[in-house]
């Protein structure tokens, strides 16, 4: 995996290229594609035209629709493997599993990756998925792919 400082989580030419390639030859309008994916037309257009990376949840929807790896779409891997979000596990459940397997406390993890401990509670209470930057930091911390962290297998 590339170093966190080497990645721009706002705009990516690799993301733009891989997204454009996935929809190459699709005769539907951008609005129709976005509706089928379940995302905003504007978000889809910005992603495919400029490589603007959407929120983590929206990125997961795109990856699920394409049945591709988030890591691949972002250029973190050159391996284009079929992935789909698991129905029986959420992001916070996966995080809890990883925390338990690593025998760590949320306070320790937070301190080691540079976020506040209270963020874990917010994610759990609001069924929230953090930013890609934080997800990537967590994937590095646990030495796993973003797909695994995001409960996509």
N, C-alpha and C. Protein backbone atom coordinates (compact mmCIF):
# COMPACT_ATOMS: atom_id res chain seq x y z
N UNK A 1 0.84 -1.19 0.00
CA UNK A 1 0.00 0.00 0.00
C UNK A 1 0.88 1.25 0.00
N UNK A 2 0.48 2.25 -0.74
CA UNK A 2 1.23 3.50 -0.74
C UNK A 2 1.16 4.19 0.62
N UNK A 3 2.10 5.07 0.88
CA UNK A 3 2.13 5.85 2.10
C UNK A 3 0.97 6.84 2.09
N UNK A 4 0.41 7.11 3.27
CA UNK A 4 -0.72 8.03 3.41
C UNK A 4 -0.40 9.39 2.80
N UNK A 5 0.81 9.87 2.95
CA UNK A 5 1.19 11.18 2.43
C UNK A 5 1.28 11.22 0.91
N UNK A 6 1.34 10.05 0.27
CA UNK A 6 1.45 9.97 -1.18
C UNK A 6 0.09 9.96 -1.89
N UNK A 7 -0.99 9.99 -1.13
CA UNK A 7 -2.31 9.82 -1.71
C UNK A 7 -3.14 11.08 -1.53
N UNK A 8 -3.79 11.48 -2.62
CA UNK A 8 -4.75 12.59 -2.56
C UNK A 8 -6.13 11.97 -2.55
N UNK A 9 -6.84 12.11 -1.43
CA UNK A 9 -8.15 11.51 -1.29
C UNK A 9 -9.27 12.43 -1.77
N UNK A 10 -8.91 13.51 -2.45
CA UNK A 10 -9.95 14.40 -2.97
C UNK A 10 -10.13 14.21 -4.47
N UNK A 11 -9.03 14.13 -5.21
CA UNK A 11 -9.09 13.97 -6.66
C UNK A 11 -8.03 12.95 -7.07
N UNK A 12 -8.41 12.06 -8.00
CA UNK A 12 -7.48 11.03 -8.44
C UNK A 12 -7.67 10.75 -9.92
N UNK A 13 -6.59 10.90 -10.68
CA UNK A 13 -6.66 10.59 -12.11
C UNK A 13 -6.84 9.09 -12.32
N UNK A 14 -6.29 8.28 -11.42
CA UNK A 14 -6.47 6.83 -11.52
C UNK A 14 -7.94 6.48 -11.32
N UNK A 15 -8.56 7.07 -10.31
CA UNK A 15 -9.99 6.85 -10.06
C UNK A 15 -10.81 7.26 -11.28
N UNK A 16 -10.51 8.44 -11.80
CA UNK A 16 -11.23 8.94 -12.98
C UNK A 16 -11.08 7.98 -14.16
N UNK A 17 -9.87 7.54 -14.43
CA UNK A 17 -9.61 6.63 -15.55
C UNK A 17 -10.33 5.30 -15.37
N UNK A 18 -10.25 4.75 -14.18
CA UNK A 18 -10.88 3.44 -13.94
C UNK A 18 -12.40 3.54 -13.96
N UNK A 19 -12.93 4.64 -13.49
CA UNK A 19 -14.38 4.84 -13.52
C UNK A 19 -14.85 5.02 -14.97
N UNK A 20 -14.13 5.85 -15.72
CA UNK A 20 -14.49 6.07 -17.13
C UNK A 20 -14.41 4.76 -17.92
N UNK A 21 -13.39 3.96 -17.65
CA UNK A 21 -13.23 2.68 -18.34
C UNK A 21 -14.40 1.74 -18.02
N UNK A 22 -14.84 1.75 -16.77
CA UNK A 22 -15.93 0.87 -16.36
C UNK A 22 -17.23 1.21 -17.07
N UNK A 23 -17.42 2.47 -17.42
CA UNK A 23 -18.67 2.89 -18.07
C UNK A 23 -18.49 3.18 -19.55
N UNK A 24 -17.33 2.87 -20.08
CA UNK A 24 -17.06 3.08 -21.50
C UNK A 24 -18.06 2.27 -22.34
N UNK A 25 -18.66 2.92 -23.30
CA UNK A 25 -19.61 2.25 -24.17
C UNK A 25 -21.02 2.18 -23.61
N UNK A 26 -21.22 2.63 -22.37
CA UNK A 26 -22.56 2.63 -21.78
C UNK A 26 -23.36 3.74 -22.45
N UNK A 27 -24.49 3.41 -23.01
CA UNK A 27 -25.28 4.39 -23.76
C UNK A 27 -26.26 5.18 -22.89
N UNK A 28 -26.37 4.80 -21.64
CA UNK A 28 -27.26 5.54 -20.74
C UNK A 28 -26.68 6.91 -20.42
N UNK A 29 -27.55 7.83 -20.05
CA UNK A 29 -27.09 9.16 -19.64
C UNK A 29 -26.41 9.05 -18.27
N UNK A 30 -25.63 10.06 -17.93
CA UNK A 30 -24.98 10.10 -16.62
C UNK A 30 -26.03 10.06 -15.51
N UNK A 31 -27.15 10.74 -15.73
CA UNK A 31 -28.23 10.77 -14.74
C UNK A 31 -28.82 9.37 -14.55
N UNK A 32 -28.99 8.64 -15.63
CA UNK A 32 -29.54 7.29 -15.53
C UNK A 32 -28.57 6.35 -14.79
N UNK A 33 -27.29 6.48 -15.11
CA UNK A 33 -26.29 5.64 -14.44
C UNK A 33 -26.27 5.96 -12.95
N UNK A 34 -26.23 7.25 -12.63
CA UNK A 34 -26.20 7.67 -11.22
C UNK A 34 -27.42 7.13 -10.48
N UNK A 35 -28.58 7.22 -11.10
CA UNK A 35 -29.81 6.72 -10.47
C UNK A 35 -29.71 5.22 -10.22
N UNK A 36 -29.20 4.48 -11.20
CA UNK A 36 -29.04 3.03 -11.04
C UNK A 36 -28.07 2.69 -9.91
N UNK A 37 -27.03 3.49 -9.77
CA UNK A 37 -26.05 3.27 -8.70
C UNK A 37 -26.65 3.66 -7.35
N UNK A 38 -27.53 4.67 -7.37
CA UNK A 38 -28.11 5.17 -6.12
C UNK A 38 -27.34 6.33 -5.54
N UNK A 39 -26.76 7.14 -6.44
CA UNK A 39 -25.99 8.30 -6.00
C UNK A 39 -26.46 9.53 -6.76
N UNK A 40 -26.01 10.68 -6.32
CA UNK A 40 -26.34 11.94 -6.96
C UNK A 40 -25.72 12.02 -8.36
N UNK A 41 -26.50 12.54 -9.30
CA UNK A 41 -26.01 12.73 -10.67
C UNK A 41 -24.79 13.65 -10.66
N UNK A 42 -24.84 14.73 -9.88
CA UNK A 42 -23.73 15.67 -9.83
C UNK A 42 -22.45 15.03 -9.29
N UNK A 43 -22.60 14.20 -8.27
CA UNK A 43 -21.44 13.51 -7.71
C UNK A 43 -20.84 12.58 -8.76
N UNK A 44 -21.69 11.86 -9.48
CA UNK A 44 -21.21 10.94 -10.51
C UNK A 44 -20.50 11.70 -11.63
N UNK A 45 -21.07 12.79 -12.06
CA UNK A 45 -20.46 13.58 -13.13
C UNK A 45 -19.10 14.12 -12.70
N UNK A 46 -19.01 14.66 -11.48
CA UNK A 46 -17.72 15.17 -10.99
C UNK A 46 -16.69 14.04 -10.90
N UNK A 47 -17.13 12.86 -10.51
CA UNK A 47 -16.20 11.73 -10.37
C UNK A 47 -15.68 11.30 -11.73
N UNK A 48 -16.56 11.16 -12.70
CA UNK A 48 -16.16 10.63 -14.01
C UNK A 48 -15.44 11.69 -14.86
N UNK A 49 -15.76 12.96 -14.67
CA UNK A 49 -15.11 14.01 -15.47
C UNK A 49 -13.80 14.51 -14.87
N UNK A 50 -13.73 14.60 -13.53
CA UNK A 50 -12.56 15.21 -12.91
C UNK A 50 -11.81 14.29 -11.96
N UNK A 51 -12.39 13.12 -11.66
CA UNK A 51 -11.74 12.22 -10.71
C UNK A 51 -11.98 12.61 -9.27
N UNK A 52 -12.97 13.47 -9.02
CA UNK A 52 -13.30 13.86 -7.66
C UNK A 52 -13.82 12.64 -6.90
N UNK A 53 -13.14 12.28 -5.83
CA UNK A 53 -13.51 11.10 -5.07
C UNK A 53 -14.65 11.46 -4.12
N UNK A 54 -15.76 10.72 -4.19
CA UNK A 54 -16.91 11.04 -3.35
C UNK A 54 -16.71 10.56 -1.91
N UNK A 55 -17.73 10.74 -1.10
CA UNK A 55 -17.69 10.26 0.28
C UNK A 55 -17.45 8.75 0.30
N UNK A 56 -17.02 8.26 1.43
CA UNK A 56 -16.74 6.83 1.55
C UNK A 56 -17.97 5.99 1.22
N UNK A 57 -19.11 6.37 1.76
CA UNK A 57 -20.34 5.61 1.52
C UNK A 57 -20.71 5.60 0.04
N UNK A 58 -20.56 6.74 -0.64
CA UNK A 58 -20.86 6.82 -2.07
C UNK A 58 -19.86 6.01 -2.88
N UNK A 59 -18.61 6.07 -2.49
CA UNK A 59 -17.58 5.27 -3.17
C UNK A 59 -17.90 3.78 -3.05
N UNK A 60 -18.37 3.36 -1.89
CA UNK A 60 -18.76 1.96 -1.70
C UNK A 60 -19.91 1.60 -2.64
N UNK A 61 -20.88 2.50 -2.77
CA UNK A 61 -22.00 2.24 -3.68
C UNK A 61 -21.51 2.05 -5.12
N UNK A 62 -20.59 2.91 -5.54
CA UNK A 62 -20.03 2.79 -6.90
C UNK A 62 -19.30 1.46 -7.05
N UNK A 63 -18.47 1.13 -6.08
CA UNK A 63 -17.71 -0.12 -6.13
C UNK A 63 -18.65 -1.33 -6.12
N UNK A 64 -19.70 -1.27 -5.31
CA UNK A 64 -20.67 -2.37 -5.28
C UNK A 64 -21.38 -2.51 -6.62
N UNK A 65 -21.76 -1.39 -7.19
CA UNK A 65 -22.45 -1.42 -8.48
C UNK A 65 -21.56 -2.06 -9.54
N UNK A 66 -20.30 -1.70 -9.53
CA UNK A 66 -19.35 -2.24 -10.51
C UNK A 66 -18.82 -3.62 -10.11
N UNK A 67 -19.08 -3.99 -8.86
CA UNK A 67 -18.54 -5.23 -8.29
C UNK A 67 -17.02 -5.25 -8.43
N UNK A 68 -16.42 -4.12 -8.08
CA UNK A 68 -14.97 -3.98 -8.12
C UNK A 68 -14.45 -3.58 -6.75
N UNK A 69 -13.20 -3.74 -6.58
CA UNK A 69 -12.52 -3.41 -5.34
C UNK A 69 -12.37 -1.90 -5.18
N UNK A 70 -12.63 -1.39 -3.98
CA UNK A 70 -12.37 0.02 -3.67
C UNK A 70 -10.89 0.31 -3.85
N UNK A 71 -10.06 -0.62 -3.39
CA UNK A 71 -8.61 -0.46 -3.53
C UNK A 71 -8.21 -0.31 -4.99
N UNK A 72 -8.83 -1.09 -5.86
CA UNK A 72 -8.55 -1.00 -7.29
C UNK A 72 -9.01 0.34 -7.86
N UNK A 73 -10.24 0.73 -7.55
CA UNK A 73 -10.77 2.00 -8.08
C UNK A 73 -9.91 3.19 -7.68
N UNK A 74 -9.36 3.15 -6.47
CA UNK A 74 -8.54 4.27 -5.98
C UNK A 74 -7.08 4.17 -6.42
N UNK A 75 -6.71 3.07 -7.05
CA UNK A 75 -5.33 2.91 -7.48
C UNK A 75 -4.41 2.41 -6.38
N UNK A 76 -4.98 1.87 -5.30
CA UNK A 76 -4.17 1.31 -4.22
C UNK A 76 -3.75 -0.11 -4.54
N UNK A 77 -4.39 -0.68 -5.57
CA UNK A 77 -4.08 -2.03 -6.03
C UNK A 77 -4.29 -2.06 -7.54
N UNK A 78 -3.49 -2.85 -8.22
CA UNK A 78 -3.68 -3.05 -9.65
C UNK A 78 -4.51 -4.29 -9.91
N UNK A 79 -4.85 -5.00 -8.85
CA UNK A 79 -5.65 -6.21 -8.97
C UNK A 79 -7.12 -5.85 -9.00
N UNK A 80 -7.77 -6.17 -10.10
CA UNK A 80 -9.18 -5.86 -10.29
C UNK A 80 -10.00 -7.09 -9.91
N UNK A 81 -10.33 -7.19 -8.63
CA UNK A 81 -11.06 -8.35 -8.14
C UNK A 81 -12.52 -8.00 -7.88
N UNK A 82 -13.37 -8.96 -8.08
CA UNK A 82 -14.79 -8.76 -7.82
C UNK A 82 -15.01 -8.69 -6.31
N UNK A 83 -15.65 -7.63 -5.87
CA UNK A 83 -15.94 -7.43 -4.46
C UNK A 83 -17.37 -6.96 -4.31
N UNK A 84 -17.97 -7.26 -3.19
CA UNK A 84 -19.32 -6.80 -2.89
C UNK A 84 -19.41 -6.62 -1.37
N UNK A 85 -20.12 -5.59 -0.95
CA UNK A 85 -20.30 -5.36 0.47
C UNK A 85 -21.09 -6.50 1.07
N UNK A 86 -20.64 -6.98 2.20
CA UNK A 86 -21.32 -8.08 2.87
C UNK A 86 -22.61 -7.58 3.50
N UNK A 87 -23.66 -8.35 3.39
CA UNK A 87 -24.95 -7.94 3.94
C UNK A 87 -25.04 -8.12 5.45
N UNK A 88 -24.26 -9.04 5.98
CA UNK A 88 -24.42 -9.40 7.38
C UNK A 88 -23.43 -8.73 8.32
N UNK A 89 -22.67 -7.75 7.83
CA UNK A 89 -21.69 -7.08 8.69
C UNK A 89 -21.55 -5.61 8.28
N UNK A 90 -21.50 -4.75 9.27
CA UNK A 90 -21.34 -3.32 9.01
C UNK A 90 -19.89 -2.92 9.22
N UNK A 91 -19.60 -1.68 8.82
CA UNK A 91 -18.26 -1.15 9.03
C UNK A 91 -17.88 -1.21 10.51
N UNK A 92 -18.78 -0.78 11.37
CA UNK A 92 -18.45 -0.72 12.81
C UNK A 92 -18.29 -2.13 13.38
N UNK A 93 -19.05 -3.10 12.88
CA UNK A 93 -18.87 -4.49 13.33
C UNK A 93 -17.50 -5.01 12.90
N UNK A 94 -17.10 -4.69 11.66
CA UNK A 94 -15.77 -5.12 11.19
C UNK A 94 -14.69 -4.46 12.03
N UNK A 95 -14.86 -3.19 12.32
CA UNK A 95 -13.88 -2.47 13.14
C UNK A 95 -13.77 -3.10 14.53
N UNK A 96 -14.90 -3.47 15.09
CA UNK A 96 -14.91 -4.12 16.40
C UNK A 96 -14.18 -5.46 16.33
N UNK A 97 -14.40 -6.23 15.27
CA UNK A 97 -13.69 -7.50 15.09
C UNK A 97 -12.18 -7.28 15.03
N UNK A 98 -11.78 -6.29 14.23
CA UNK A 98 -10.35 -6.01 14.08
C UNK A 98 -9.73 -5.55 15.39
N UNK A 99 -10.44 -4.72 16.12
CA UNK A 99 -9.97 -4.24 17.42
C UNK A 99 -9.78 -5.41 18.39
N UNK A 100 -10.75 -6.30 18.40
CA UNK A 100 -10.68 -7.46 19.29
C UNK A 100 -9.54 -8.39 18.89
N UNK A 101 -9.41 -8.65 17.59
CA UNK A 101 -8.33 -9.52 17.11
C UNK A 101 -6.95 -8.95 17.43
N UNK A 102 -6.84 -7.63 17.37
CA UNK A 102 -5.56 -6.98 17.65
C UNK A 102 -5.35 -6.77 19.15
N UNK A 103 -6.38 -7.10 19.95
CA UNK A 103 -6.33 -6.92 21.40
C UNK A 103 -5.98 -5.46 21.77
N UNK A 104 -6.70 -4.54 21.11
CA UNK A 104 -6.48 -3.10 21.32
C UNK A 104 -7.75 -2.46 21.84
N UNK A 105 -7.60 -1.29 22.40
CA UNK A 105 -8.75 -0.47 22.83
C UNK A 105 -8.87 0.68 21.84
N UNK A 106 -10.09 1.20 21.72
CA UNK A 106 -10.30 2.31 20.78
C UNK A 106 -9.42 3.50 21.14
N UNK A 107 -9.21 3.74 22.40
CA UNK A 107 -8.35 4.86 22.81
C UNK A 107 -6.93 4.70 22.30
N UNK A 108 -6.43 3.49 22.35
CA UNK A 108 -5.08 3.19 21.85
C UNK A 108 -5.00 3.39 20.34
N UNK A 109 -6.00 2.85 19.64
CA UNK A 109 -6.03 2.98 18.18
C UNK A 109 -6.10 4.46 17.80
N UNK A 110 -7.00 5.19 18.46
CA UNK A 110 -7.16 6.61 18.17
C UNK A 110 -5.85 7.37 18.36
N UNK A 111 -5.18 7.12 19.48
CA UNK A 111 -3.92 7.81 19.75
C UNK A 111 -2.86 7.46 18.71
N UNK A 112 -2.82 6.21 18.29
CA UNK A 112 -1.79 5.78 17.35
C UNK A 112 -2.01 6.27 15.92
N UNK A 113 -3.27 6.54 15.54
CA UNK A 113 -3.50 7.05 14.18
C UNK A 113 -3.81 8.55 14.17
N UNK A 114 -3.91 9.14 15.36
CA UNK A 114 -4.06 10.60 15.44
C UNK A 114 -5.47 11.13 15.29
N UNK A 115 -6.44 10.40 15.82
CA UNK A 115 -7.82 10.91 15.84
C UNK A 115 -8.33 10.89 17.27
N UNK A 116 -9.50 11.48 17.50
CA UNK A 116 -10.03 11.49 18.86
C UNK A 116 -10.78 10.19 19.14
N UNK A 117 -10.73 9.76 20.36
CA UNK A 117 -11.39 8.53 20.81
C UNK A 117 -12.90 8.62 20.58
N UNK A 118 -13.46 9.81 20.72
CA UNK A 118 -14.91 9.98 20.60
C UNK A 118 -15.43 9.70 19.19
N UNK A 119 -14.55 9.74 18.20
CA UNK A 119 -14.99 9.45 16.84
C UNK A 119 -15.55 8.03 16.71
N UNK A 120 -14.98 7.09 17.42
CA UNK A 120 -15.46 5.72 17.36
C UNK A 120 -16.91 5.63 17.85
N UNK A 121 -17.22 6.35 18.91
CA UNK A 121 -18.59 6.37 19.43
C UNK A 121 -19.55 6.99 18.43
N UNK A 122 -19.11 8.07 17.79
CA UNK A 122 -19.95 8.74 16.79
C UNK A 122 -20.24 7.79 15.63
N UNK A 123 -19.23 7.09 15.16
CA UNK A 123 -19.42 6.16 14.05
C UNK A 123 -20.44 5.09 14.44
N UNK A 124 -20.31 4.59 15.67
CA UNK A 124 -21.19 3.52 16.13
C UNK A 124 -22.62 4.02 16.32
N UNK A 125 -22.78 5.15 16.98
CA UNK A 125 -24.12 5.68 17.28
C UNK A 125 -24.86 6.12 16.04
N UNK A 126 -24.16 6.65 15.08
CA UNK A 126 -24.81 7.21 13.89
C UNK A 126 -24.68 6.33 12.65
N UNK A 127 -24.15 5.10 12.82
CA UNK A 127 -23.93 4.21 11.69
C UNK A 127 -23.18 4.95 10.58
N UNK A 128 -22.13 5.61 10.97
CA UNK A 128 -21.36 6.49 10.10
C UNK A 128 -20.08 5.80 9.66
N UNK A 129 -19.71 6.01 8.42
CA UNK A 129 -18.43 5.53 7.91
C UNK A 129 -17.53 6.75 7.78
N UNK A 130 -16.34 6.71 8.38
CA UNK A 130 -15.46 7.89 8.35
C UNK A 130 -14.93 8.21 6.96
N UNK A 131 -14.20 9.30 6.88
CA UNK A 131 -13.60 9.74 5.62
C UNK A 131 -12.64 8.68 5.10
N UNK A 132 -12.36 8.76 3.81
CA UNK A 132 -11.40 7.82 3.21
C UNK A 132 -10.03 7.93 3.86
N UNK A 133 -9.63 9.14 4.24
CA UNK A 133 -8.32 9.31 4.88
C UNK A 133 -8.26 8.50 6.17
N UNK A 134 -9.30 8.60 6.98
CA UNK A 134 -9.31 7.86 8.24
C UNK A 134 -9.43 6.36 7.98
N UNK A 135 -10.27 5.98 7.04
CA UNK A 135 -10.38 4.55 6.69
C UNK A 135 -9.02 4.01 6.23
N UNK A 136 -8.32 4.80 5.43
CA UNK A 136 -7.01 4.35 4.96
C UNK A 136 -6.03 4.22 6.13
N UNK A 137 -6.06 5.18 7.05
CA UNK A 137 -5.20 5.09 8.23
C UNK A 137 -5.51 3.82 9.03
N UNK A 138 -6.80 3.52 9.17
CA UNK A 138 -7.20 2.31 9.88
C UNK A 138 -6.75 1.06 9.14
N UNK A 139 -6.86 1.07 7.81
CA UNK A 139 -6.42 -0.11 7.05
C UNK A 139 -4.91 -0.32 7.19
N UNK A 140 -4.16 0.77 7.21
CA UNK A 140 -2.72 0.65 7.44
C UNK A 140 -2.44 0.14 8.85
N UNK A 141 -3.16 0.67 9.80
CA UNK A 141 -2.98 0.28 11.21
C UNK A 141 -3.20 -1.23 11.37
N UNK A 142 -4.28 -1.74 10.79
CA UNK A 142 -4.59 -3.16 10.91
C UNK A 142 -3.93 -4.01 9.83
N UNK A 143 -3.22 -3.38 8.91
CA UNK A 143 -2.50 -4.05 7.83
C UNK A 143 -3.45 -4.89 6.97
N UNK A 144 -4.53 -4.25 6.54
CA UNK A 144 -5.53 -4.89 5.69
C UNK A 144 -5.91 -3.93 4.57
N UNK A 145 -6.64 -4.44 3.59
CA UNK A 145 -7.11 -3.60 2.49
C UNK A 145 -8.28 -2.74 2.94
N UNK A 146 -8.54 -1.68 2.19
CA UNK A 146 -9.74 -0.88 2.45
C UNK A 146 -10.99 -1.73 2.30
N UNK A 147 -10.99 -2.59 1.30
CA UNK A 147 -12.16 -3.45 1.10
C UNK A 147 -12.45 -4.30 2.33
N UNK A 148 -11.44 -4.87 2.90
CA UNK A 148 -11.65 -5.69 4.11
C UNK A 148 -12.15 -4.83 5.26
N UNK A 149 -11.56 -3.67 5.44
CA UNK A 149 -12.00 -2.76 6.50
C UNK A 149 -13.45 -2.36 6.32
N UNK A 150 -13.84 -2.10 5.08
CA UNK A 150 -15.19 -1.64 4.79
C UNK A 150 -16.19 -2.79 4.66
N UNK A 151 -15.80 -3.97 5.10
CA UNK A 151 -16.66 -5.17 5.10
C UNK A 151 -17.10 -5.52 3.67
N UNK A 152 -16.12 -5.49 2.77
CA UNK A 152 -16.37 -5.88 1.37
C UNK A 152 -15.44 -7.05 1.07
N UNK A 153 -16.00 -8.16 0.66
CA UNK A 153 -15.15 -9.34 0.40
C UNK A 153 -15.57 -10.02 -0.87
